[in-house]
Protein backbone atom coordinates (compact mmCIF):
# COMPACT_ATOMS: atom_id res chain seq x y z
CA MET A 1 4.25 -4.35 -6.56
CA LEU A 2 6.23 -3.43 -9.63
CA ALA A 3 6.83 -7.16 -9.86
CA TYR A 4 3.25 -7.45 -11.13
CA ARG A 5 3.96 -5.06 -14.01
CA VAL A 6 7.14 -6.88 -14.92
CA THR A 7 5.84 -10.45 -14.64
CA GLY A 8 2.08 -10.13 -15.05
CA ASP A 9 1.73 -12.65 -12.21
CA GLU A 10 -1.64 -12.01 -10.54
CA GLN A 11 -0.25 -13.16 -7.16
CA TYR A 12 1.57 -9.81 -6.79
CA ARG A 13 -1.65 -7.94 -7.47
CA GLU A 14 -3.46 -10.04 -4.85
CA TRP A 15 -0.73 -9.35 -2.28
CA GLY A 16 -1.01 -5.61 -2.98
CA TRP A 17 -4.77 -5.73 -2.44
CA GLN A 18 -4.32 -7.67 0.80
CA ILE A 19 -1.91 -4.98 2.08
CA PHE A 20 -4.39 -2.24 1.20
CA GLU A 21 -7.24 -4.09 2.91
CA ALA A 22 -5.08 -4.65 6.02
CA PHE A 23 -4.39 -0.90 6.25
CA ASN A 24 -8.13 -0.23 6.18
CA LYS A 25 -9.05 -3.04 8.55
CA HIS A 26 -6.44 -2.41 11.24
CA CYS A 27 -5.44 1.25 10.92
CA ARG A 28 -8.45 3.23 9.70
CA VAL A 29 -10.43 5.12 12.33
CA SER A 30 -14.14 5.86 12.16
CA THR A 31 -13.64 9.65 12.26
CA GLY A 32 -11.35 9.57 9.24
CA GLY A 33 -7.65 9.05 8.84
CA TYR A 34 -5.48 6.25 10.08
CA ALA A 35 -3.94 5.33 13.42
CA GLY A 36 -0.70 3.61 14.20
CA ILE A 37 -0.84 0.24 15.87
CA GLU A 38 1.12 -0.89 18.91
CA ASP A 39 2.29 -4.29 17.75
CA VAL A 40 1.93 -5.63 14.22
CA GLN A 41 2.28 -9.18 15.53
CA LYS A 42 -0.93 -9.02 17.60
CA VAL A 43 -4.44 -9.52 16.24
CA PRO A 44 -6.70 -7.76 16.86
CA ALA A 45 -4.41 -4.78 16.48
CA LYS A 46 -4.46 -2.19 19.25
CA GLN A 47 -4.51 1.28 17.73
CA VAL A 48 -2.55 4.17 19.21
CA ASP A 49 -4.21 7.58 19.40
CA ARG A 50 -2.16 9.26 16.71
CA MET A 51 -1.29 9.08 13.05
CA GLU A 52 2.41 9.49 12.43
CA THR A 53 3.16 12.46 10.18
CA PHE A 54 5.20 10.30 7.85
CA TRP A 55 2.52 7.67 7.34
CA LEU A 56 0.78 9.21 4.34
CA GLY A 57 3.93 10.82 2.97
CA GLU A 58 6.17 7.78 3.19
CA THR A 59 4.06 4.68 3.60
CA LEU A 60 1.53 5.43 0.88
CA SER A 61 3.31 8.01 -1.23
CA LYS A 62 6.59 6.14 -1.63
CA SER A 63 4.84 2.85 -2.06
CA ALA A 64 2.39 4.47 -4.46
CA PRO A 65 4.33 3.45 -7.56
CA GLY A 66 3.94 -0.08 -6.29
CA PHE A 67 0.31 0.09 -5.24
CA TRP A 68 -0.91 2.23 -8.10
CA SER A 69 1.00 0.31 -10.74
CA CYS A 70 -0.72 -2.84 -9.53
CA PHE A 71 -4.20 -1.51 -10.22
CA ALA A 72 -3.80 1.31 -12.75
CA PRO A 73 -4.26 0.76 -16.48
CA CYS A 74 -1.15 -0.26 -18.36
CA LEU A 75 1.65 2.26 -18.25
CA PRO A 76 2.25 4.18 -21.47
CA ARG A 77 5.98 3.39 -21.41
CA SER A 78 7.84 0.18 -20.87
CA LEU A 79 9.35 -0.26 -17.42
CA ALA A 80 12.50 -1.42 -19.17
CA ASN A 81 12.68 1.87 -21.09
CA PRO A 82 11.03 4.62 -18.99
CA GLY A 83 12.31 7.40 -21.24
CA PHE A 84 14.66 9.19 -18.87
């Protein structure tokens, strides 16, 4: 999703939103939280009765620079010169 910040191409932003919507559609459970799914190739997705411990920490957290940069206001620093 950093590709959106670099290029400004709205297609990357749309793809990011589609990923976020897919998480909510296929993984979210009514009681809160998210479930894993058995096979990502099958629709409708069959949820498993657990949320992997790494899901929030790795799937969302490590992809957060990508997701959040897609939808957050412009960054204060240039990606080409982050200042570190």
